[in-house]
């Protein structure tokens, strides 16, 4: 699969997940799992594009 299509699909899938998570009572354990998934995606994207490692977000 071409990188552009893969990134477009990933964006679409993340949007679908966020929509579904908004329907859940908050706070929900899925929030932590999804946050981890997004952080790892950012890490690997930075690594694949040879950018500086993204810094953890402060709460």
N, C-alpha and C. Protein backbone atom coordinates (compact mmCIF):
# COMPACT_ATOMS: atom_id res chain seq x y z
N UNK A 1 0.86 -1.17 0.00
CA UNK A 1 0.00 0.00 0.00
C UNK A 1 0.90 1.24 0.00
N UNK A 2 0.51 2.25 -0.78
CA UNK A 2 1.30 3.48 -0.83
C UNK A 2 1.21 4.23 0.49
N UNK A 3 2.30 4.92 0.87
CA UNK A 3 2.30 5.64 2.15
C UNK A 3 1.15 6.65 2.28
N UNK A 4 0.83 7.36 1.20
CA UNK A 4 -0.26 8.34 1.28
C UNK A 4 -1.60 7.69 1.58
N UNK A 5 -1.85 6.56 0.96
CA UNK A 5 -3.11 5.84 1.22
C UNK A 5 -3.13 5.30 2.64
N UNK A 6 -2.00 4.79 3.07
CA UNK A 6 -1.90 4.24 4.43
C UNK A 6 -2.15 5.33 5.47
N UNK A 7 -1.54 6.50 5.28
CA UNK A 7 -1.75 7.60 6.21
C UNK A 7 -3.19 8.10 6.18
N UNK A 8 -3.79 8.15 4.99
CA UNK A 8 -5.19 8.57 4.88
C UNK A 8 -6.10 7.58 5.61
N UNK A 9 -5.83 6.29 5.44
CA UNK A 9 -6.63 5.29 6.13
C UNK A 9 -6.45 5.41 7.64
N UNK A 10 -5.22 5.59 8.07
CA UNK A 10 -4.94 5.72 9.50
C UNK A 10 -5.68 6.92 10.09
N UNK A 11 -5.67 8.04 9.36
CA UNK A 11 -6.39 9.23 9.81
C UNK A 11 -7.89 8.93 9.92
N UNK A 12 -8.44 8.29 8.90
CA UNK A 12 -9.87 7.94 8.91
C UNK A 12 -10.18 7.02 10.09
N UNK A 13 -9.36 6.00 10.30
CA UNK A 13 -9.60 5.05 11.39
C UNK A 13 -9.52 5.74 12.75
N UNK A 14 -8.56 6.65 12.91
CA UNK A 14 -8.46 7.38 14.17
C UNK A 14 -9.69 8.25 14.40
N UNK A 15 -10.19 8.89 13.35
CA UNK A 15 -11.40 9.70 13.48
C UNK A 15 -12.60 8.84 13.90
N UNK A 16 -12.71 7.66 13.31
CA UNK A 16 -13.80 6.75 13.67
C UNK A 16 -13.68 6.33 15.14
N UNK A 17 -12.46 6.06 15.57
CA UNK A 17 -12.25 5.66 16.96
C UNK A 17 -12.60 6.79 17.92
N UNK A 18 -12.17 8.01 17.57
CA UNK A 18 -12.50 9.16 18.42
C UNK A 18 -14.01 9.37 18.51
N UNK A 19 -14.69 9.23 17.40
CA UNK A 19 -16.15 9.39 17.40
C UNK A 19 -16.78 8.36 18.34
N UNK A 20 -16.35 7.12 18.22
CA UNK A 20 -16.91 6.06 19.07
C UNK A 20 -16.59 6.30 20.54
N UNK A 21 -15.38 6.78 20.82
CA UNK A 21 -14.98 7.01 22.21
C UNK A 21 -15.76 8.16 22.84
N UNK A 22 -16.17 9.13 22.03
CA UNK A 22 -16.97 10.25 22.56
C UNK A 22 -18.34 9.78 23.06
N UNK A 23 -18.77 8.62 22.58
CA UNK A 23 -20.06 8.08 22.99
C UNK A 23 -19.97 7.34 24.33
N UNK A 24 -18.76 7.07 24.78
CA UNK A 24 -18.55 6.31 26.02
C UNK A 24 -18.64 7.22 27.24
N UNK A 25 -19.02 6.67 28.38
CA UNK A 25 -18.97 7.46 29.61
C UNK A 25 -17.51 7.81 29.91
N UNK A 26 -17.30 9.00 30.42
CA UNK A 26 -15.93 9.47 30.68
C UNK A 26 -15.68 9.58 32.18
N UNK A 27 -14.49 9.32 32.65
CA UNK A 27 -13.35 8.79 31.92
C UNK A 27 -13.54 7.30 31.61
N UNK A 28 -12.87 6.84 30.56
CA UNK A 28 -13.01 5.45 30.14
C UNK A 28 -11.62 4.87 29.89
N UNK A 29 -11.39 3.60 30.22
CA UNK A 29 -10.07 2.99 30.01
C UNK A 29 -9.60 3.08 28.55
N UNK A 30 -10.53 3.14 27.61
CA UNK A 30 -10.15 3.22 26.20
C UNK A 30 -9.35 4.48 25.90
N UNK A 31 -9.55 5.54 26.68
CA UNK A 31 -8.82 6.79 26.45
C UNK A 31 -7.32 6.57 26.59
N UNK A 32 -6.92 5.86 27.61
CA UNK A 32 -5.50 5.61 27.85
C UNK A 32 -4.90 4.75 26.74
N UNK A 33 -5.63 3.75 26.32
CA UNK A 33 -5.15 2.86 25.26
C UNK A 33 -5.01 3.64 23.95
N UNK A 34 -6.02 4.44 23.62
CA UNK A 34 -5.97 5.20 22.37
C UNK A 34 -4.85 6.24 22.42
N UNK A 35 -4.64 6.87 23.56
CA UNK A 35 -3.53 7.82 23.71
C UNK A 35 -2.20 7.15 23.45
N UNK A 36 -2.05 5.93 23.95
CA UNK A 36 -0.82 5.18 23.72
C UNK A 36 -0.64 4.89 22.23
N UNK A 37 -1.71 4.48 21.57
CA UNK A 37 -1.64 4.17 20.14
C UNK A 37 -1.21 5.40 19.34
N UNK A 38 -1.81 6.54 19.64
CA UNK A 38 -1.46 7.77 18.92
C UNK A 38 -0.01 8.16 19.19
N UNK A 39 0.43 8.05 20.42
CA UNK A 39 1.82 8.39 20.75
C UNK A 39 2.81 7.50 19.99
N UNK A 40 2.51 6.23 19.91
CA UNK A 40 3.39 5.31 19.18
C UNK A 40 3.36 5.61 17.69
N UNK A 41 2.20 5.96 17.16
CA UNK A 41 2.12 6.34 15.74
C UNK A 41 3.01 7.56 15.48
N UNK A 42 2.95 8.55 16.35
CA UNK A 42 3.79 9.74 16.19
C UNK A 42 5.27 9.38 16.26
N UNK A 43 5.62 8.51 17.18
CA UNK A 43 7.01 8.07 17.32
C UNK A 43 7.51 7.42 16.03
N UNK A 44 6.75 6.46 15.51
CA UNK A 44 7.19 5.75 14.31
C UNK A 44 7.16 6.64 13.07
N UNK A 45 6.22 7.55 12.99
CA UNK A 45 6.20 8.48 11.86
C UNK A 45 7.44 9.36 11.89
N UNK A 46 7.78 9.87 13.06
CA UNK A 46 8.99 10.69 13.20
C UNK A 46 10.22 9.87 12.83
N UNK A 47 10.26 8.65 13.26
CA UNK A 47 11.40 7.80 12.95
C UNK A 47 11.48 7.50 11.46
N UNK A 48 10.34 7.23 10.85
CA UNK A 48 10.31 6.90 9.43
C UNK A 48 10.70 8.10 8.57
N UNK A 49 10.38 9.28 9.03
CA UNK A 49 10.70 10.49 8.26
C UNK A 49 11.98 11.14 8.76
N UNK A 50 12.64 10.49 9.73
CA UNK A 50 13.91 10.96 10.30
C UNK A 50 13.80 12.32 10.97
N UNK A 51 12.65 12.61 11.52
CA UNK A 51 12.48 13.84 12.27
C UNK A 51 12.92 13.61 13.70
N UNK A 52 13.05 14.68 14.43
CA UNK A 52 13.38 14.56 15.84
C UNK A 52 12.27 13.80 16.55
N UNK A 53 12.65 13.07 17.57
CA UNK A 53 11.67 12.30 18.34
C UNK A 53 10.67 13.26 18.98
N UNK A 54 9.37 13.00 18.79
CA UNK A 54 8.37 13.88 19.42
C UNK A 54 8.47 13.84 20.93
N UNK A 55 8.27 14.96 21.53
CA UNK A 55 8.32 15.06 22.97
C UNK A 55 6.98 14.63 23.57
N UNK A 56 7.03 13.96 24.73
CA UNK A 56 5.76 13.57 25.38
C UNK A 56 4.93 14.82 25.71
N UNK A 57 3.64 14.67 25.57
CA UNK A 57 2.74 15.78 25.90
C UNK A 57 2.58 15.85 27.40
N UNK A 58 2.64 17.04 27.92
CA UNK A 58 2.44 17.26 29.36
C UNK A 58 0.97 17.45 29.61
N UNK A 59 0.50 16.90 30.71
CA UNK A 59 -0.92 17.06 31.06
C UNK A 59 -1.11 18.28 31.90
